[in-house]
Amino acid sequence: MHELVLSLWRETGTTIFMVTHDLKE
C-alpha cells in the first residue's frame, strides 16, 4: 500500500494529509 500511494501521489500531484500512529510510516 505504501508503494501504491507513493506511485499515485507522484502521478496525480494530489496534496495528501495522512494521520498515522506509526512514526516510521
PDBML (XML) file of the C-alpha atoms, coordinates in Angstrom:
<?xml version="1.0" encoding="UTF-8" ?>
<PDBx:datablock datablockName="MODEL"
   xmlns:PDBx="http://pdbml.pdb.org/schema/pdbx-v50.xsd"
   xmlns:xsi="http://www.w3.org/2001/XMLSchema-instance"
   xsi:schemaLocation="http://pdbml.pdb.org/schema/pdbx-v50.xsd pdbx-v50.xsd">
   <PDBx:atom_siteCategory>
      <PDBx:atom_site id="1">
         <PDBx:B_iso_or_equiv>0.00</PDBx:B_iso_or_equiv>
         <PDBx:Cartn_x>0.000</PDBx:Cartn_x>
         <PDBx:Cartn_y>0.000</PDBx:Cartn_y>
         <PDBx:Cartn_z>0.000</PDBx:Cartn_z>
         <PDBx:auth_asym_id>A</PDBx:auth_asym_id>
         <PDBx:auth_atom_id>CA</PDBx:auth_atom_id>
         <PDBx:auth_comp_id>MET</PDBx:auth_comp_id>
         <PDBx:auth_seq_id>1</PDBx:auth_seq_id>
         <PDBx:group_PDB>ATOM</PDBx:group_PDB>
         <PDBx:label_alt_id xsi:nil="true" />
         <PDBx:label_asym_id>A</PDBx:label_asym_id>
         <PDBx:label_atom_id>CA</PDBx:label_atom_id>
         <PDBx:label_comp_id>MET</PDBx:label_comp_id>
         <PDBx:label_entity_id>1</PDBx:label_entity_id>
         <PDBx:label_seq_id>1</PDBx:label_seq_id>
         <PDBx:occupancy>1.00</PDBx:occupancy>
         <PDBx:pdbx_PDB_model_num>1</PDBx:pdbx_PDB_model_num>
         <PDBx:type_symbol>C</PDBx:type_symbol>
      </PDBx:atom_site>
      <PDBx:atom_site id="2">
         <PDBx:B_iso_or_equiv>0.00</PDBx:B_iso_or_equiv>
         <PDBx:Cartn_x>2.907</PDBx:Cartn_x>
         <PDBx:Cartn_y>2.364</PDBx:Cartn_y>
         <PDBx:Cartn_z>0.655</PDBx:Cartn_z>
         <PDBx:auth_asym_id>A</PDBx:auth_asym_id>
         <PDBx:auth_atom_id>CA</PDBx:auth_atom_id>
         <PDBx:auth_comp_id>HIS</PDBx:auth_comp_id>
         <PDBx:auth_seq_id>2</PDBx:auth_seq_id>
         <PDBx:group_PDB>ATOM</PDBx:group_PDB>
         <PDBx:label_alt_id xsi:nil="true" />
         <PDBx:label_asym_id>A</PDBx:label_asym_id>
         <PDBx:label_atom_id>CA</PDBx:label_atom_id>
         <PDBx:label_comp_id>HIS</PDBx:label_comp_id>
         <PDBx:label_entity_id>1</PDBx:label_entity_id>
         <PDBx:label_seq_id>2</PDBx:label_seq_id>
         <PDBx:occupancy>1.00</PDBx:occupancy>
         <PDBx:pdbx_PDB_model_num>1</PDBx:pdbx_PDB_model_num>
         <PDBx:type_symbol>C</PDBx:type_symbol>
      </PDBx:atom_site>
      <PDBx:atom_site id="3">
         <PDBx:B_iso_or_equiv>0.00</PDBx:B_iso_or_equiv>
         <PDBx:Cartn_x>4.213</PDBx:Cartn_x>
         <PDBx:Cartn_y>1.696</PDBx:Cartn_y>
         <PDBx:Cartn_z>-2.837</PDBx:Cartn_z>
         <PDBx:auth_asym_id>A</PDBx:auth_asym_id>
         <PDBx:auth_atom_id>CA</PDBx:auth_atom_id>
         <PDBx:auth_comp_id>GLU</PDBx:auth_comp_id>
         <PDBx:auth_seq_id>3</PDBx:auth_seq_id>
         <PDBx:group_PDB>ATOM</PDBx:group_PDB>
         <PDBx:label_alt_id xsi:nil="true" />
         <PDBx:label_asym_id>A</PDBx:label_asym_id>
         <PDBx:label_atom_id>CA</PDBx:label_atom_id>
         <PDBx:label_comp_id>GLU</PDBx:label_comp_id>
         <PDBx:label_entity_id>1</PDBx:label_entity_id>
         <PDBx:label_seq_id>3</PDBx:label_seq_id>
         <PDBx:occupancy>1.00</PDBx:occupancy>
         <PDBx:pdbx_PDB_model_num>1</PDBx:pdbx_PDB_model_num>
         <PDBx:type_symbol>C</PDBx:type_symbol>
      </PDBx:atom_site>
      <PDBx:atom_site id="4">
         <PDBx:B_iso_or_equiv>0.00</PDBx:B_iso_or_equiv>
         <PDBx:Cartn_x>0.741</PDBx:Cartn_x>
         <PDBx:Cartn_y>2.240</PDBx:Cartn_y>
         <PDBx:Cartn_z>-4.308</PDBx:Cartn_z>
         <PDBx:auth_asym_id>A</PDBx:auth_asym_id>
         <PDBx:auth_atom_id>CA</PDBx:auth_atom_id>
         <PDBx:auth_comp_id>LEU</PDBx:auth_comp_id>
         <PDBx:auth_seq_id>4</PDBx:auth_seq_id>
         <PDBx:group_PDB>ATOM</PDBx:group_PDB>
         <PDBx:label_alt_id xsi:nil="true" />
         <PDBx:label_asym_id>A</PDBx:label_asym_id>
         <PDBx:label_atom_id>CA</PDBx:label_atom_id>
         <PDBx:label_comp_id>LEU</PDBx:label_comp_id>
         <PDBx:label_entity_id>1</PDBx:label_entity_id>
         <PDBx:label_seq_id>4</PDBx:label_seq_id>
         <PDBx:occupancy>1.00</PDBx:occupancy>
         <PDBx:pdbx_PDB_model_num>1</PDBx:pdbx_PDB_model_num>
         <PDBx:type_symbol>C</PDBx:type_symbol>
      </PDBx:atom_site>
      <PDBx:atom_site id="5">
         <PDBx:B_iso_or_equiv>0.00</PDBx:B_iso_or_equiv>
         <PDBx:Cartn_x>0.091</PDBx:Cartn_x>
         <PDBx:Cartn_y>5.539</PDBx:Cartn_y>
         <PDBx:Cartn_z>-2.508</PDBx:Cartn_z>
         <PDBx:auth_asym_id>A</PDBx:auth_asym_id>
         <PDBx:auth_atom_id>CA</PDBx:auth_atom_id>
         <PDBx:auth_comp_id>VAL</PDBx:auth_comp_id>
         <PDBx:auth_seq_id>5</PDBx:auth_seq_id>
         <PDBx:group_PDB>ATOM</PDBx:group_PDB>
         <PDBx:label_alt_id xsi:nil="true" />
         <PDBx:label_asym_id>A</PDBx:label_asym_id>
         <PDBx:label_atom_id>CA</PDBx:label_atom_id>
         <PDBx:label_comp_id>VAL</PDBx:label_comp_id>
         <PDBx:label_entity_id>1</PDBx:label_entity_id>
         <PDBx:label_seq_id>5</PDBx:label_seq_id>
         <PDBx:occupancy>1.00</PDBx:occupancy>
         <PDBx:pdbx_PDB_model_num>1</PDBx:pdbx_PDB_model_num>
         <PDBx:type_symbol>C</PDBx:type_symbol>
      </PDBx:atom_site>
      <PDBx:atom_site id="6">
         <PDBx:B_iso_or_equiv>0.00</PDBx:B_iso_or_equiv>
         <PDBx:Cartn_x>3.514</PDBx:Cartn_x>
         <PDBx:Cartn_y>6.955</PDBx:Cartn_y>
         <PDBx:Cartn_z>-3.383</PDBx:Cartn_z>
         <PDBx:auth_asym_id>A</PDBx:auth_asym_id>
         <PDBx:auth_atom_id>CA</PDBx:auth_atom_id>
         <PDBx:auth_comp_id>LEU</PDBx:auth_comp_id>
         <PDBx:auth_seq_id>6</PDBx:auth_seq_id>
         <PDBx:group_PDB>ATOM</PDBx:group_PDB>
         <PDBx:label_alt_id xsi:nil="true" />
         <PDBx:label_asym_id>A</PDBx:label_asym_id>
         <PDBx:label_atom_id>CA</PDBx:label_atom_id>
         <PDBx:label_comp_id>LEU</PDBx:label_comp_id>
         <PDBx:label_entity_id>1</PDBx:label_entity_id>
         <PDBx:label_seq_id>6</PDBx:label_seq_id>
         <PDBx:occupancy>1.00</PDBx:occupancy>
         <PDBx:pdbx_PDB_model_num>1</PDBx:pdbx_PDB_model_num>
         <PDBx:type_symbol>C</PDBx:type_symbol>
      </PDBx:atom_site>
      <PDBx:atom_site id="7">
         <PDBx:B_iso_or_equiv>0.00</PDBx:B_iso_or_equiv>
         <PDBx:Cartn_x>3.033</PDBx:Cartn_x>
         <PDBx:Cartn_y>5.973</PDBx:Cartn_y>
         <PDBx:Cartn_z>-7.010</PDBx:Cartn_z>
         <PDBx:auth_asym_id>A</PDBx:auth_asym_id>
         <PDBx:auth_atom_id>CA</PDBx:auth_atom_id>
         <PDBx:auth_comp_id>SER</PDBx:auth_comp_id>
         <PDBx:auth_seq_id>7</PDBx:auth_seq_id>
         <PDBx:group_PDB>ATOM</PDBx:group_PDB>
         <PDBx:label_alt_id xsi:nil="true" />
         <PDBx:label_asym_id>A</PDBx:label_asym_id>
         <PDBx:label_atom_id>CA</PDBx:label_atom_id>
         <PDBx:label_comp_id>SER</PDBx:label_comp_id>
         <PDBx:label_entity_id>1</PDBx:label_entity_id>
         <PDBx:label_seq_id>7</PDBx:label_seq_id>
         <PDBx:occupancy>1.00</PDBx:occupancy>
         <PDBx:pdbx_PDB_model_num>1</PDBx:pdbx_PDB_model_num>
         <PDBx:type_symbol>C</PDBx:type_symbol>
      </PDBx:atom_site>
      <PDBx:atom_site id="8">
         <PDBx:B_iso_or_equiv>0.00</PDBx:B_iso_or_equiv>
         <PDBx:Cartn_x>-0.439</PDBx:Cartn_x>
         <PDBx:Cartn_y>7.545</PDBx:Cartn_y>
         <PDBx:Cartn_z>-7.223</PDBx:Cartn_z>
         <PDBx:auth_asym_id>A</PDBx:auth_asym_id>
         <PDBx:auth_atom_id>CA</PDBx:auth_atom_id>
         <PDBx:auth_comp_id>LEU</PDBx:auth_comp_id>
         <PDBx:auth_seq_id>8</PDBx:auth_seq_id>
         <PDBx:group_PDB>ATOM</PDBx:group_PDB>
         <PDBx:label_alt_id xsi:nil="true" />
         <PDBx:label_asym_id>A</PDBx:label_asym_id>
         <PDBx:label_atom_id>CA</PDBx:label_atom_id>
         <PDBx:label_comp_id>LEU</PDBx:label_comp_id>
         <PDBx:label_entity_id>1</PDBx:label_entity_id>
         <PDBx:label_seq_id>8</PDBx:label_seq_id>
         <PDBx:occupancy>1.00</PDBx:occupancy>
         <PDBx:pdbx_PDB_model_num>1</PDBx:pdbx_PDB_model_num>
         <PDBx:type_symbol>C</PDBx:type_symbol>
      </PDBx:atom_site>
      <PDBx:atom_site id="9">
         <PDBx:B_iso_or_equiv>0.00</PDBx:B_iso_or_equiv>
         <PDBx:Cartn_x>0.776</PDBx:Cartn_x>
         <PDBx:Cartn_y>10.667</PDBx:Cartn_y>
         <PDBx:Cartn_z>-5.445</PDBx:Cartn_z>
         <PDBx:auth_asym_id>A</PDBx:auth_asym_id>
         <PDBx:auth_atom_id>CA</PDBx:auth_atom_id>
         <PDBx:auth_comp_id>TRP</PDBx:auth_comp_id>
         <PDBx:auth_seq_id>9</PDBx:auth_seq_id>
         <PDBx:group_PDB>ATOM</PDBx:group_PDB>
         <PDBx:label_alt_id xsi:nil="true" />
         <PDBx:label_asym_id>A</PDBx:label_asym_id>
         <PDBx:label_atom_id>CA</PDBx:label_atom_id>
         <PDBx:label_comp_id>TRP</PDBx:label_comp_id>
         <PDBx:label_entity_id>1</PDBx:label_entity_id>
         <PDBx:label_seq_id>9</PDBx:label_seq_id>
         <PDBx:occupancy>1.00</PDBx:occupancy>
         <PDBx:pdbx_PDB_model_num>1</PDBx:pdbx_PDB_model_num>
         <PDBx:type_symbol>C</PDBx:type_symbol>
      </PDBx:atom_site>
      <PDBx:atom_site id="10">
         <PDBx:B_iso_or_equiv>0.00</PDBx:B_iso_or_equiv>
         <PDBx:Cartn_x>3.588</PDBx:Cartn_x>
         <PDBx:Cartn_y>11.119</PDBx:Cartn_y>
         <PDBx:Cartn_z>-7.942</PDBx:Cartn_z>
         <PDBx:auth_asym_id>A</PDBx:auth_asym_id>
         <PDBx:auth_atom_id>CA</PDBx:auth_atom_id>
         <PDBx:auth_comp_id>ARG</PDBx:auth_comp_id>
         <PDBx:auth_seq_id>10</PDBx:auth_seq_id>
         <PDBx:group_PDB>ATOM</PDBx:group_PDB>
         <PDBx:label_alt_id xsi:nil="true" />
         <PDBx:label_asym_id>A</PDBx:label_asym_id>
         <PDBx:label_atom_id>CA</PDBx:label_atom_id>
         <PDBx:label_comp_id>ARG</PDBx:label_comp_id>
         <PDBx:label_entity_id>1</PDBx:label_entity_id>
         <PDBx:label_seq_id>10</PDBx:label_seq_id>
         <PDBx:occupancy>1.00</PDBx:occupancy>
         <PDBx:pdbx_PDB_model_num>1</PDBx:pdbx_PDB_model_num>
         <PDBx:type_symbol>C</PDBx:type_symbol>
      </PDBx:atom_site>
      <PDBx:atom_site id="11">
         <PDBx:B_iso_or_equiv>0.00</PDBx:B_iso_or_equiv>
         <PDBx:Cartn_x>1.247</PDBx:Cartn_x>
         <PDBx:Cartn_y>10.572</PDBx:Cartn_y>
         <PDBx:Cartn_z>-10.895</PDBx:Cartn_z>
         <PDBx:auth_asym_id>A</PDBx:auth_asym_id>
         <PDBx:auth_atom_id>CA</PDBx:auth_atom_id>
         <PDBx:auth_comp_id>GLU</PDBx:auth_comp_id>
         <PDBx:auth_seq_id>11</PDBx:auth_seq_id>
         <PDBx:group_PDB>ATOM</PDBx:group_PDB>
         <PDBx:label_alt_id xsi:nil="true" />
         <PDBx:label_asym_id>A</PDBx:label_asym_id>
         <PDBx:label_atom_id>CA</PDBx:label_atom_id>
         <PDBx:label_comp_id>GLU</PDBx:label_comp_id>
         <PDBx:label_entity_id>1</PDBx:label_entity_id>
         <PDBx:label_seq_id>11</PDBx:label_seq_id>
         <PDBx:occupancy>1.00</PDBx:occupancy>
         <PDBx:pdbx_PDB_model_num>1</PDBx:pdbx_PDB_model_num>
         <PDBx:type_symbol>C</PDBx:type_symbol>
      </PDBx:atom_site>
      <PDBx:atom_site id="12">
         <PDBx:B_iso_or_equiv>0.00</PDBx:B_iso_or_equiv>
         <PDBx:Cartn_x>-1.564</PDBx:Cartn_x>
         <PDBx:Cartn_y>12.863</PDBx:Cartn_y>
         <PDBx:Cartn_z>-9.735</PDBx:Cartn_z>
         <PDBx:auth_asym_id>A</PDBx:auth_asym_id>
         <PDBx:auth_atom_id>CA</PDBx:auth_atom_id>
         <PDBx:auth_comp_id>THR</PDBx:auth_comp_id>
         <PDBx:auth_seq_id>12</PDBx:auth_seq_id>
         <PDBx:group_PDB>ATOM</PDBx:group_PDB>
         <PDBx:label_alt_id xsi:nil="true" />
         <PDBx:label_asym_id>A</PDBx:label_asym_id>
         <PDBx:label_atom_id>CA</PDBx:label_atom_id>
         <PDBx:label_comp_id>THR</PDBx:label_comp_id>
         <PDBx:label_entity_id>1</PDBx:label_entity_id>
         <PDBx:label_seq_id>12</PDBx:label_seq_id>
         <PDBx:occupancy>1.00</PDBx:occupancy>
         <PDBx:pdbx_PDB_model_num>1</PDBx:pdbx_PDB_model_num>
         <PDBx:type_symbol>C</PDBx:type_symbol>
      </PDBx:atom_site>
      <PDBx:atom_site id="13">
         <PDBx:B_iso_or_equiv>0.00</PDBx:B_iso_or_equiv>
         <PDBx:Cartn_x>0.194</PDBx:Cartn_x>
         <PDBx:Cartn_y>15.609</PDBx:Cartn_y>
         <PDBx:Cartn_z>-7.772</PDBx:Cartn_z>
         <PDBx:auth_asym_id>A</PDBx:auth_asym_id>
         <PDBx:auth_atom_id>CA</PDBx:auth_atom_id>
         <PDBx:auth_comp_id>GLY</PDBx:auth_comp_id>
         <PDBx:auth_seq_id>13</PDBx:auth_seq_id>
         <PDBx:group_PDB>ATOM</PDBx:group_PDB>
         <PDBx:label_alt_id xsi:nil="true" />
         <PDBx:label_asym_id>A</PDBx:label_asym_id>
         <PDBx:label_atom_id>CA</PDBx:label_atom_id>
         <PDBx:label_comp_id>GLY</PDBx:label_comp_id>
         <PDBx:label_entity_id>1</PDBx:label_entity_id>
         <PDBx:label_seq_id>13</PDBx:label_seq_id>
         <PDBx:occupancy>1.00</PDBx:occupancy>
         <PDBx:pdbx_PDB_model_num>1</PDBx:pdbx_PDB_model_num>
         <PDBx:type_symbol>C</PDBx:type_symbol>
      </PDBx:atom_site>
      <PDBx:atom_site id="14">
         <PDBx:B_iso_or_equiv>0.00</PDBx:B_iso_or_equiv>
         <PDBx:Cartn_x>-2.579</PDBx:Cartn_x>
         <PDBx:Cartn_y>15.438</PDBx:Cartn_y>
         <PDBx:Cartn_z>-5.176</PDBx:Cartn_z>
         <PDBx:auth_asym_id>A</PDBx:auth_asym_id>
         <PDBx:auth_atom_id>CA</PDBx:auth_atom_id>
         <PDBx:auth_comp_id>THR</PDBx:auth_comp_id>
         <PDBx:auth_seq_id>14</PDBx:auth_seq_id>
         <PDBx:group_PDB>ATOM</PDBx:group_PDB>
         <PDBx:label_alt_id xsi:nil="true" />
         <PDBx:label_asym_id>A</PDBx:label_asym_id>
         <PDBx:label_atom_id>CA</PDBx:label_atom_id>
         <PDBx:label_comp_id>THR</PDBx:label_comp_id>
         <PDBx:label_entity_id>1</PDBx:label_entity_id>
         <PDBx:label_seq_id>14</PDBx:label_seq_id>
         <PDBx:occupancy>1.00</PDBx:occupancy>
         <PDBx:pdbx_PDB_model_num>1</PDBx:pdbx_PDB_model_num>
         <PDBx:type_symbol>C</PDBx:type_symbol>
      </PDBx:atom_site>
      <PDBx:atom_site id="15">
         <PDBx:B_iso_or_equiv>0.00</PDBx:B_iso_or_equiv>
         <PDBx:Cartn_x>-1.995</PDBx:Cartn_x>
         <PDBx:Cartn_y>17.198</PDBx:Cartn_y>
         <PDBx:Cartn_z>-1.867</PDBx:Cartn_z>
         <PDBx:auth_asym_id>A</PDBx:auth_asym_id>
         <PDBx:auth_atom_id>CA</PDBx:auth_atom_id>
         <PDBx:auth_comp_id>THR</PDBx:auth_comp_id>
         <PDBx:auth_seq_id>15</PDBx:auth_seq_id>
         <PDBx:group_PDB>ATOM</PDBx:group_PDB>
         <PDBx:label_alt_id xsi:nil="true" />
         <PDBx:label_asym_id>A</PDBx:label_asym_id>
         <PDBx:label_atom_id>CA</PDBx:label_atom_id>
         <PDBx:label_comp_id>THR</PDBx:label_comp_id>
         <PDBx:label_entity_id>1</PDBx:label_entity_id>
         <PDBx:label_seq_id>15</PDBx:label_seq_id>
         <PDBx:occupancy>1.00</PDBx:occupancy>
         <PDBx:pdbx_PDB_model_num>1</PDBx:pdbx_PDB_model_num>
         <PDBx:type_symbol>C</PDBx:type_symbol>
      </PDBx:atom_site>
      <PDBx:atom_site id="16">
         <PDBx:B_iso_or_equiv>0.00</PDBx:B_iso_or_equiv>
         <PDBx:Cartn_x>-2.165</PDBx:Cartn_x>
         <PDBx:Cartn_y>14.495</PDBx:Cartn_y>
         <PDBx:Cartn_z>0.823</PDBx:Cartn_z>
         <PDBx:auth_asym_id>A</PDBx:auth_asym_id>
         <PDBx:auth_atom_id>CA</PDBx:auth_atom_id>
         <PDBx:auth_comp_id>ILE</PDBx:auth_comp_id>
         <PDBx:auth_seq_id>16</PDBx:auth_seq_id>
         <PDBx:group_PDB>ATOM</PDBx:group_PDB>
         <PDBx:label_alt_id xsi:nil="true" />
         <PDBx:label_asym_id>A</PDBx:label_asym_id>
         <PDBx:label_atom_id>CA</PDBx:label_atom_id>
         <PDBx:label_comp_id>ILE</PDBx:label_comp_id>
         <PDBx:label_entity_id>1</PDBx:label_entity_id>
         <PDBx:label_seq_id>16</PDBx:label_seq_id>
         <PDBx:occupancy>1.00</PDBx:occupancy>
         <PDBx:pdbx_PDB_model_num>1</PDBx:pdbx_PDB_model_num>
         <PDBx:type_symbol>C</PDBx:type_symbol>
      </PDBx:atom_site>
      <PDBx:atom_site id="17">
         <PDBx:B_iso_or_equiv>0.00</PDBx:B_iso_or_equiv>
         <PDBx:Cartn_x>-2.737</PDBx:Cartn_x>
         <PDBx:Cartn_y>14.685</PDBx:Cartn_y>
         <PDBx:Cartn_z>4.577</PDBx:Cartn_z>
         <PDBx:auth_asym_id>A</PDBx:auth_asym_id>
         <PDBx:auth_atom_id>CA</PDBx:auth_atom_id>
         <PDBx:auth_comp_id>PHE</PDBx:auth_comp_id>
         <PDBx:auth_seq_id>17</PDBx:auth_seq_id>
         <PDBx:group_PDB>ATOM</PDBx:group_PDB>
         <PDBx:label_alt_id xsi:nil="true" />
         <PDBx:label_asym_id>A</PDBx:label_asym_id>
         <PDBx:label_atom_id>CA</PDBx:label_atom_id>
         <PDBx:label_comp_id>PHE</PDBx:label_comp_id>
         <PDBx:label_entity_id>1</PDBx:label_entity_id>
         <PDBx:label_seq_id>17</PDBx:label_seq_id>
         <PDBx:occupancy>1.00</PDBx:occupancy>
         <PDBx:pdbx_PDB_model_num>1</PDBx:pdbx_PDB_model_num>
         <PDBx:type_symbol>C</PDBx:type_symbol>
      </PDBx:atom_site>
      <PDBx:atom_site id="18">
         <PDBx:B_iso_or_equiv>0.00</PDBx:B_iso_or_equiv>
         <PDBx:Cartn_x>-2.318</PDBx:Cartn_x>
         <PDBx:Cartn_y>11.361</PDBx:Cartn_y>
         <PDBx:Cartn_z>6.379</PDBx:Cartn_z>
         <PDBx:auth_asym_id>A</PDBx:auth_asym_id>
         <PDBx:auth_atom_id>CA</PDBx:auth_atom_id>
         <PDBx:auth_comp_id>MET</PDBx:auth_comp_id>
         <PDBx:auth_seq_id>18</PDBx:auth_seq_id>
         <PDBx:group_PDB>ATOM</PDBx:group_PDB>
         <PDBx:label_alt_id xsi:nil="true" />
         <PDBx:label_asym_id>A</PDBx:label_asym_id>
         <PDBx:label_atom_id>CA</PDBx:label_atom_id>
         <PDBx:label_comp_id>MET</PDBx:label_comp_id>
         <PDBx:label_entity_id>1</PDBx:label_entity_id>
         <PDBx:label_seq_id>18</PDBx:label_seq_id>
         <PDBx:occupancy>1.00</PDBx:occupancy>
         <PDBx:pdbx_PDB_model_num>1</PDBx:pdbx_PDB_model_num>
         <PDBx:type_symbol>C</PDBx:type_symbol>
      </PDBx:atom_site>
      <PDBx:atom_site id="19">
         <PDBx:B_iso_or_equiv>0.00</PDBx:B_iso_or_equiv>
         <PDBx:Cartn_x>-2.854</PDBx:Cartn_x>
         <PDBx:Cartn_y>10.588</PDBx:Cartn_y>
         <PDBx:Cartn_z>10.066</PDBx:Cartn_z>
         <PDBx:auth_asym_id>A</PDBx:auth_asym_id>
         <PDBx:auth_atom_id>CA</PDBx:auth_atom_id>
         <PDBx:auth_comp_id>VAL</PDBx:auth_comp_id>
         <PDBx:auth_seq_id>19</PDBx:auth_seq_id>
         <PDBx:group_PDB>ATOM</PDBx:group_PDB>
         <PDBx:label_alt_id xsi:nil="true" />
         <PDBx:label_asym_id>A</PDBx:label_asym_id>
         <PDBx:label_atom_id>CA</PDBx:label_atom_id>
         <PDBx:label_comp_id>VAL</PDBx:label_comp_id>
         <PDBx:label_entity_id>1</PDBx:label_entity_id>
         <PDBx:label_seq_id>19</PDBx:label_seq_id>
         <PDBx:occupancy>1.00</PDBx:occupancy>
         <PDBx:pdbx_PDB_model_num>1</PDBx:pdbx_PDB_model_num>
         <PDBx:type_symbol>C</PDBx:type_symbol>
      </PDBx:atom_site>
      <PDBx:atom_site id="20">
         <PDBx:B_iso_or_equiv>0.00</PDBx:B_iso_or_equiv>
         <PDBx:Cartn_x>-0.772</PDBx:Cartn_x>
         <PDBx:Cartn_y>7.685</PDBx:Cartn_y>
         <PDBx:Cartn_z>11.339</PDBx:Cartn_z>
         <PDBx:auth_asym_id>A</PDBx:auth_asym_id>
         <PDBx:auth_atom_id>CA</PDBx:auth_atom_id>
         <PDBx:auth_comp_id>THR</PDBx:auth_comp_id>
         <PDBx:auth_seq_id>20</PDBx:auth_seq_id>
         <PDBx:group_PDB>ATOM</PDBx:group_PDB>
         <PDBx:label_alt_id xsi:nil="true" />
         <PDBx:label_asym_id>A</PDBx:label_asym_id>
         <PDBx:label_atom_id>CA</PDBx:label_atom_id>
         <PDBx:label_comp_id>THR</PDBx:label_comp_id>
         <PDBx:label_entity_id>1</PDBx:label_entity_id>
         <PDBx:label_seq_id>20</PDBx:label_seq_id>
         <PDBx:occupancy>1.00</PDBx:occupancy>
         <PDBx:pdbx_PDB_model_num>1</PDBx:pdbx_PDB_model_num>
         <PDBx:type_symbol>C</PDBx:type_symbol>
      </PDBx:atom_site>
      <PDBx:atom_site id="21">
         <PDBx:B_iso_or_equiv>0.00</PDBx:B_iso_or_equiv>
         <PDBx:Cartn_x>0.302</PDBx:Cartn_x>
         <PDBx:Cartn_y>6.239</PDBx:Cartn_y>
         <PDBx:Cartn_z>14.686</PDBx:Cartn_z>
         <PDBx:auth_asym_id>A</PDBx:auth_asym_id>
         <PDBx:auth_atom_id>CA</PDBx:auth_atom_id>
         <PDBx:auth_comp_id>HIS</PDBx:auth_comp_id>
         <PDBx:auth_seq_id>21</PDBx:auth_seq_id>
         <PDBx:group_PDB>ATOM</PDBx:group_PDB>
         <PDBx:label_alt_id xsi:nil="true" />
         <PDBx:label_asym_id>A</PDBx:label_asym_id>
         <PDBx:label_atom_id>CA</PDBx:label_atom_id>
         <PDBx:label_comp_id>HIS</PDBx:label_comp_id>
         <PDBx:label_entity_id>1</PDBx:label_entity_id>
         <PDBx:label_seq_id>21</PDBx:label_seq_id>
         <PDBx:occupancy>1.00</PDBx:occupancy>
         <PDBx:pdbx_PDB_model_num>1</PDBx:pdbx_PDB_model_num>
         <PDBx:type_symbol>C</PDBx:type_symbol>
      </PDBx:atom_site>
      <PDBx:atom_site id="22">
         <PDBx:B_iso_or_equiv>0.00</PDBx:B_iso_or_equiv>
         <PDBx:Cartn_x>3.371</PDBx:Cartn_x>
         <PDBx:Cartn_y>4.719</PDBx:Cartn_y>
         <PDBx:Cartn_z>13.036</PDBx:Cartn_z>
         <PDBx:auth_asym_id>A</PDBx:auth_asym_id>
         <PDBx:auth_atom_id>CA</PDBx:auth_atom_id>
         <PDBx:auth_comp_id>ASP</PDBx:auth_comp_id>
         <PDBx:auth_seq_id>22</PDBx:auth_seq_id>
         <PDBx:group_PDB>ATOM</PDBx:group_PDB>
         <PDBx:label_alt_id xsi:nil="true" />
         <PDBx:label_asym_id>A</PDBx:label_asym_id>
         <PDBx:label_atom_id>CA</PDBx:label_atom_id>
         <PDBx:label_comp_id>ASP</PDBx:label_comp_id>
         <PDBx:label_entity_id>1</PDBx:label_entity_id>
         <PDBx:label_seq_id>22</PDBx:label_seq_id>
         <PDBx:occupancy>1.00</PDBx:occupancy>
         <PDBx:pdbx_PDB_model_num>1</PDBx:pdbx_PDB_model_num>
         <PDBx:type_symbol>C</PDBx:type_symbol>
      </PDBx:atom_site>
      <PDBx:atom_site id="23">
         <PDBx:B_iso_or_equiv>0.00</PDBx:B_iso_or_equiv>
         <PDBx:Cartn_x>6.263</PDBx:Cartn_x>
         <PDBx:Cartn_y>7.192</PDBx:Cartn_y>
         <PDBx:Cartn_z>13.250</PDBx:Cartn_z>
         <PDBx:auth_asym_id>A</PDBx:auth_asym_id>
         <PDBx:auth_atom_id>CA</PDBx:auth_atom_id>
         <PDBx:auth_comp_id>LEU</PDBx:auth_comp_id>
         <PDBx:auth_seq_id>23</PDBx:auth_seq_id>
         <PDBx:group_PDB>ATOM</PDBx:group_PDB>
         <PDBx:label_alt_id xsi:nil="true" />
         <PDBx:label_asym_id>A</PDBx:label_asym_id>
         <PDBx:label_atom_id>CA</PDBx:label_atom_id>
         <PDBx:label_comp_id>LEU</PDBx:label_comp_id>
         <PDBx:label_entity_id>1</PDBx:label_entity_id>
         <PDBx:label_seq_id>23</PDBx:label_seq_id>
         <PDBx:occupancy>1.00</PDBx:occupancy>
         <PDBx:pdbx_PDB_model_num>1</PDBx:pdbx_PDB_model_num>
         <PDBx:type_symbol>C</PDBx:type_symbol>
      </PDBx:atom_site>
      <PDBx:atom_site id="24">
         <PDBx:B_iso_or_equiv>0.00</PDBx:B_iso_or_equiv>
         <PDBx:Cartn_x>8.342</PDBx:Cartn_x>
         <PDBx:Cartn_y>5.180</PDBx:Cartn_y>
         <PDBx:Cartn_z>10.782</PDBx:Cartn_z>
         <PDBx:auth_asym_id>A</PDBx:auth_asym_id>
         <PDBx:auth_atom_id>CA</PDBx:auth_atom_id>
         <PDBx:auth_comp_id>LYS</PDBx:auth_comp_id>
         <PDBx:auth_seq_id>24</PDBx:auth_seq_id>
         <PDBx:group_PDB>ATOM</PDBx:group_PDB>
         <PDBx:label_alt_id xsi:nil="true" />
         <PDBx:label_asym_id>A</PDBx:label_asym_id>
         <PDBx:label_atom_id>CA</PDBx:label_atom_id>
         <PDBx:label_comp_id>LYS</PDBx:label_comp_id>
         <PDBx:label_entity_id>1</PDBx:label_entity_id>
         <PDBx:label_seq_id>24</PDBx:label_seq_id>
         <PDBx:occupancy>1.00</PDBx:occupancy>
         <PDBx:pdbx_PDB_model_num>1</PDBx:pdbx_PDB_model_num>
         <PDBx:type_symbol>C</PDBx:type_symbol>
      </PDBx:atom_site>
      <PDBx:atom_site id="25">
         <PDBx:B_iso_or_equiv>0.00</PDBx:B_iso_or_equiv>
         <PDBx:Cartn_x>5.471</PDBx:Cartn_x>
         <PDBx:Cartn_y>5.201</PDBx:Cartn_y>
         <PDBx:Cartn_z>8.283</PDBx:Cartn_z>
         <PDBx:auth_asym_id>A</PDBx:auth_asym_id>
         <PDBx:auth_atom_id>CA</PDBx:auth_atom_id>
         <PDBx:auth_comp_id>GLU</PDBx:auth_comp_id>
         <PDBx:auth_seq_id>25</PDBx:auth_seq_id>
         <PDBx:group_PDB>ATOM</PDBx:group_PDB>
         <PDBx:label_alt_id xsi:nil="true" />
         <PDBx:label_asym_id>A</PDBx:label_asym_id>
         <PDBx:label_atom_id>CA</PDBx:label_atom_id>
         <PDBx:label_comp_id>GLU</PDBx:label_comp_id>
         <PDBx:label_entity_id>1</PDBx:label_entity_id>
         <PDBx:label_seq_id>25</PDBx:label_seq_id>
         <PDBx:occupancy>1.00</PDBx:occupancy>
         <PDBx:pdbx_PDB_model_num>1</PDBx:pdbx_PDB_model_num>
         <PDBx:type_symbol>C</PDBx:type_symbol>
      </PDBx:atom_site>
   </PDBx:atom_siteCategory>
</PDBx:datablock>
